[in-house]
Amino acid sequence: MCQPAPDGAAFRLLTTATLVFWDFDGVIKDSVQVKGEAFHELFAPFGGDLAARVLAHHEAHTGVSRFEKIPLYLQWADLTPDAPLVAAYCVRLGTLVKQRVIASRWVPGVEPYLRANADRQAFVLISATPQDELEEIVDALDLGACFSAIYGAPTPKADVVRRELQVRGVEPASAVVVGDSASDANAAMASGVPFLLRPTGYNEALQRQGHTVLSLDPGPA
């Protein structure tokens, strides 16, 4: 049975979907800020101005994988982003962020919704977090049983949506993508799937575009 949540078109769209694609950071866990702090810490040795530039870019591109961000940031630091250096920085970032993400607060209402409805709807996790790290975080949070499939970077979100619709034989109108970034919205639009936006302080531009906004916050008990 669905958990109590605000009424409205967004909630009805979510609860009636056969297949739901969930982003993770900013949608399930309120972890965008802690990832930004980790990026800032990682590049702080190159100076405060560069670290601030890195943080601002991360916050403006929250759905983009570190595999794309770190080569750019290394270039800003006047380093050659060859494969070994990029890999080393990705590992260092992962070390900084994993426990912080696990410990970050849940987005209100999402955890109970996932646990209550996983047997009624098919939930697929799509994230820019590296695959191995994402699976470790899901295991640590005991969420594995909630998802029928888990996809992290480097698999593009749009490819996942397209593939899962085809494999499961689900029409786009019977699915929904729940996200907080342009990459989530674009993945939905590429397959004609409805998109539900979890509004945050990092996606005000998306909010102004008129996307349907979803909140599962049940409010005061």
Protein backbone atom coordinates (compact mmCIF):
# COMPACT_ATOMS: atom_id res chain seq x y z
CA MET A 1 0.00 0.00 0.00
CA CYS A 2 1.23 3.53 -0.80
CA GLN A 3 2.53 5.61 2.07
CA PRO A 4 0.65 8.82 2.93
CA ALA A 5 1.91 11.79 0.93
CA PRO A 6 0.59 15.03 -0.51
CA ASP A 7 -2.22 14.64 -3.04
CA GLY A 8 -1.88 15.94 -6.57
CA ALA A 9 -1.06 15.05 -10.15
CA ALA A 10 2.59 14.28 -9.37
CA PHE A 11 1.73 11.80 -6.65
CA ARG A 12 -0.87 10.11 -8.83
CA LEU A 13 1.62 9.87 -11.68
CA LEU A 14 4.14 8.23 -9.37
CA THR A 15 1.76 5.78 -7.74
CA THR A 16 0.12 4.62 -10.98
CA ALA A 17 3.37 4.03 -12.88
CA THR A 18 4.31 0.44 -13.65
CA LEU A 19 8.01 1.27 -13.80
CA VAL A 20 9.74 4.00 -11.78
CA PHE A 21 13.30 5.18 -12.42
CA TRP A 22 14.84 6.79 -9.33
CA ASP A 23 17.91 8.99 -9.21
CA PHE A 24 19.81 8.72 -5.92
CA ASP A 25 21.64 11.87 -4.78
CA GLY A 26 19.12 14.59 -4.03
CA VAL A 27 16.17 12.25 -4.59
CA ILE A 28 16.61 9.35 -2.17
CA LYS A 29 19.38 10.76 0.00
CA ASP A 30 19.90 14.50 0.49
CA SER A 31 23.56 14.05 -0.41
CA VAL A 32 24.34 16.62 -3.10
CA GLN A 33 25.88 18.98 -0.56
CA VAL A 34 28.19 16.37 0.98
CA LYS A 35 29.45 15.42 -2.47
CA GLY A 36 30.13 19.08 -3.17
CA GLU A 37 32.07 19.33 0.08
CA ALA A 38 34.14 16.32 -0.98
CA PHE A 39 34.94 17.83 -4.39
CA HIS A 40 35.95 21.07 -2.66
CA GLU A 41 38.19 19.18 -0.24
CA LEU A 42 39.77 17.15 -3.03
CA PHE A 43 40.79 20.23 -5.00
CA ALA A 44 41.52 22.56 -2.07
CA PRO A 45 45.30 21.91 -2.36
CA PHE A 46 45.18 23.82 -5.66
CA GLY A 47 43.90 26.95 -3.96
CA GLY A 48 40.66 28.36 -2.67
CA ASP A 49 39.63 29.96 -5.95
CA LEU A 50 39.92 26.68 -7.86
CA ALA A 51 38.16 24.72 -5.12
CA ALA A 52 35.30 27.24 -5.16
CA ARG A 53 35.08 26.98 -8.96
CA VAL A 54 34.93 23.19 -8.72
CA LEU A 55 32.18 23.37 -6.09
CA ALA A 56 30.11 25.80 -8.17
CA HIS A 57 30.42 23.61 -11.26
CA HIS A 58 29.48 20.47 -9.33
CA GLU A 59 26.39 22.14 -7.88
CA ALA A 60 25.33 23.34 -11.33
CA HIS A 61 25.78 19.85 -12.85
CA THR A 62 24.60 17.54 -10.08
CA GLY A 63 23.58 14.68 -12.37
CA VAL A 64 26.90 14.46 -14.19
CA SER A 65 29.33 11.66 -13.36
CA ARG A 66 32.67 12.29 -11.69
CA PHE A 67 34.18 10.48 -14.69
CA GLU A 68 33.27 13.59 -16.69
CA LYS A 69 33.88 16.19 -13.99
CA ILE A 70 37.28 15.17 -12.71
CA PRO A 71 39.13 15.38 -16.07
CA LEU A 72 37.79 18.92 -16.43
CA TYR A 73 38.80 19.89 -12.90
CA LEU A 74 42.28 18.46 -13.40
CA GLN A 75 42.64 20.61 -16.50
CA TRP A 76 41.63 23.63 -14.43
CA ALA A 77 44.42 22.64 -12.02
CA ASP A 78 46.90 22.62 -14.96
CA LEU A 79 47.29 18.84 -14.78
CA THR A 80 47.08 16.43 -17.70
CA PRO A 81 43.97 14.29 -17.15
CA ASP A 82 45.42 11.00 -18.34
CA ALA A 83 43.65 7.78 -17.41
CA PRO A 84 45.80 6.86 -14.35
CA LEU A 85 45.47 10.32 -12.80
CA VAL A 86 41.72 10.48 -13.41
CA ALA A 87 41.31 7.02 -11.90
CA ALA A 88 43.35 7.99 -8.85
CA TYR A 89 41.26 11.10 -8.24
CA CYS A 90 38.04 9.15 -8.71
CA VAL A 91 39.17 6.68 -6.05
CA ARG A 92 40.13 9.52 -3.69
CA LEU A 93 36.74 11.16 -4.18
CA GLY A 94 34.96 7.86 -3.56
CA THR A 95 36.85 7.46 -0.30
CA LEU A 96 35.75 10.93 0.76
CA VAL A 97 32.08 10.63 -0.18
CA LYS A 98 30.81 7.10 0.44
CA GLN A 99 30.34 7.22 4.20
CA ARG A 100 29.11 10.81 4.00
CA VAL A 101 26.40 9.78 1.56
CA ILE A 102 25.38 6.81 3.71
CA ALA A 103 25.14 9.08 6.76
CA SER A 104 23.29 11.91 5.00
CA ARG A 105 19.61 12.52 5.72
CA TRP A 106 16.89 10.77 3.78
CA VAL A 107 14.78 12.87 1.46
CA PRO A 108 11.50 13.05 3.43
CA GLY A 109 9.01 10.34 2.57
CA VAL A 110 11.10 8.51 -0.02
CA GLU A 111 12.48 5.64 2.07
CA PRO A 112 9.05 4.50 3.35
CA TYR A 113 7.60 4.81 -0.14
CA LEU A 114 10.33 2.60 -1.59
CA ARG A 115 9.97 -0.05 1.10
CA ALA A 116 6.16 -0.07 0.97
CA ASN A 117 5.76 -0.24 -2.80
CA ALA A 118 8.65 -2.32 -4.15
CA ASP A 119 6.36 -5.34 -4.50
CA ARG A 120 3.70 -3.32 -6.31
CA GLN A 121 5.86 -1.34 -8.76
CA ALA A 122 9.18 -2.02 -10.49
CA PHE A 123 11.86 0.36 -9.20
CA VAL A 124 15.09 0.92 -11.15
CA LEU A 125 17.92 2.99 -9.69
CA ILE A 126 19.82 5.26 -12.11
CA SER A 127 22.70 7.33 -10.80
CA ALA A 128 25.89 9.13 -11.82
CA THR A 129 27.66 7.42 -8.89
CA PRO A 130 30.10 4.71 -10.05
CA GLN A 131 28.44 1.30 -10.22
CA ASP A 132 30.49 -0.47 -7.52
CA GLU A 133 30.21 2.43 -5.09
CA LEU A 134 26.48 2.75 -5.72
CA GLU A 135 25.92 -0.93 -4.98
CA GLU A 136 27.92 -0.64 -1.74
CA ILE A 137 25.84 2.34 -0.63
CA VAL A 138 22.58 0.55 -1.44
CA ASP A 139 23.74 -2.50 0.51
CA ALA A 140 24.76 -0.37 3.51
CA LEU A 141 21.30 1.21 3.53
CA ASP A 142 19.57 -2.18 3.14
CA LEU A 143 17.75 -0.97 0.03
CA GLY A 144 18.74 -3.77 -2.32
CA ALA A 145 15.37 -5.50 -2.14
CA CYS A 146 13.63 -2.30 -3.24
CA PHE A 147 15.21 -2.25 -6.71
CA SER A 148 14.83 -4.70 -9.54
CA ALA A 149 17.91 -3.20 -11.20
CA ILE A 150 20.69 -0.77 -10.22
CA TYR A 151 22.68 1.27 -12.73
CA GLY A 152 25.56 3.60 -11.94
CA ALA A 153 28.23 5.34 -13.98
CA PRO A 154 29.50 5.00 -16.60
CA THR A 155 26.18 3.71 -18.02
CA PRO A 156 24.26 6.73 -19.39
CA LYS A 157 20.86 7.25 -17.76
CA ALA A 158 19.12 7.72 -21.12
CA ASP A 159 20.43 4.33 -22.27
CA VAL A 160 19.13 2.68 -19.10
CA VAL A 161 15.65 4.13 -19.49
CA ARG A 162 15.46 3.10 -23.13
CA ARG A 163 16.77 -0.42 -22.46
CA GLU A 164 14.56 -1.12 -19.44
CA LEU A 165 11.42 0.01 -21.24
CA GLN A 166 12.22 -2.33 -24.11
CA VAL A 167 13.25 -5.32 -22.01
CA ARG A 168 10.22 -5.04 -19.71
CA GLY A 169 7.78 -4.23 -22.49
CA VAL A 170 6.58 -1.10 -20.70
CA GLU A 171 5.11 1.81 -22.62
CA PRO A 172 6.74 5.20 -21.87
CA ALA A 173 3.45 6.59 -20.58
CA SER A 174 3.37 3.81 -17.95
CA ALA A 175 6.78 4.76 -16.55
CA VAL A 176 8.18 7.79 -14.76
CA VAL A 177 11.62 9.20 -13.96
CA VAL A 178 12.08 10.84 -10.56
CA GLY A 179 15.11 13.09 -10.49
CA ASP A 180 16.62 16.41 -9.54
CA SER A 181 18.91 17.28 -12.43
CA ALA A 182 18.97 18.08 -16.13
CA SER A 183 20.49 14.67 -16.85
CA ASP A 184 17.44 13.01 -15.26
CA ALA A 185 15.02 15.20 -17.20
CA ASN A 186 16.90 14.57 -20.44
CA ALA A 187 16.92 10.80 -19.86
CA ALA A 188 13.16 10.90 -19.44
CA MET A 189 12.52 13.09 -22.46
CA ALA A 190 14.73 10.98 -24.72
CA SER A 191 12.26 8.09 -24.35
CA GLY A 192 9.08 10.11 -23.92
CA VAL A 193 8.76 9.16 -20.24
CA PRO A 194 7.10 11.59 -17.80
CA PHE A 195 9.52 13.36 -15.47
CA LEU A 196 8.94 14.27 -11.83
CA LEU A 197 11.29 16.84 -10.30
CA ARG A 198 12.36 16.79 -6.68
CA PRO A 199 12.95 20.52 -6.09
CA THR A 200 16.16 21.59 -4.33
CA GLY A 201 18.23 24.71 -3.98
CA TYR A 202 20.45 23.38 -6.76
CA ASN A 203 17.83 23.05 -9.52
CA GLU A 204 15.94 26.34 -9.53
CA ALA A 205 16.49 26.63 -13.30
CA LEU A 206 14.68 23.31 -13.81
CA GLN A 207 11.87 24.46 -11.54
CA ARG A 208 11.42 27.54 -13.72
CA GLN A 209 11.06 25.29 -16.77
CA GLY A 210 7.73 24.10 -15.44
CA HIS A 211 8.51 20.45 -14.67
CA THR A 212 5.99 18.64 -12.50
CA VAL A 213 7.25 18.81 -8.93
CA LEU A 214 7.05 15.85 -6.57
CA SER A 215 7.23 15.83 -2.80
CA LEU A 216 6.70 12.73 -0.66
CA ASP A 217 7.12 14.64 2.58
CA PRO A 218 4.13 13.62 4.73
CA GLY A 219 4.61 16.68 6.91
CA PRO A 220 4.21 16.69 10.71
CA ALA A 221 2.99 13.45 12.21
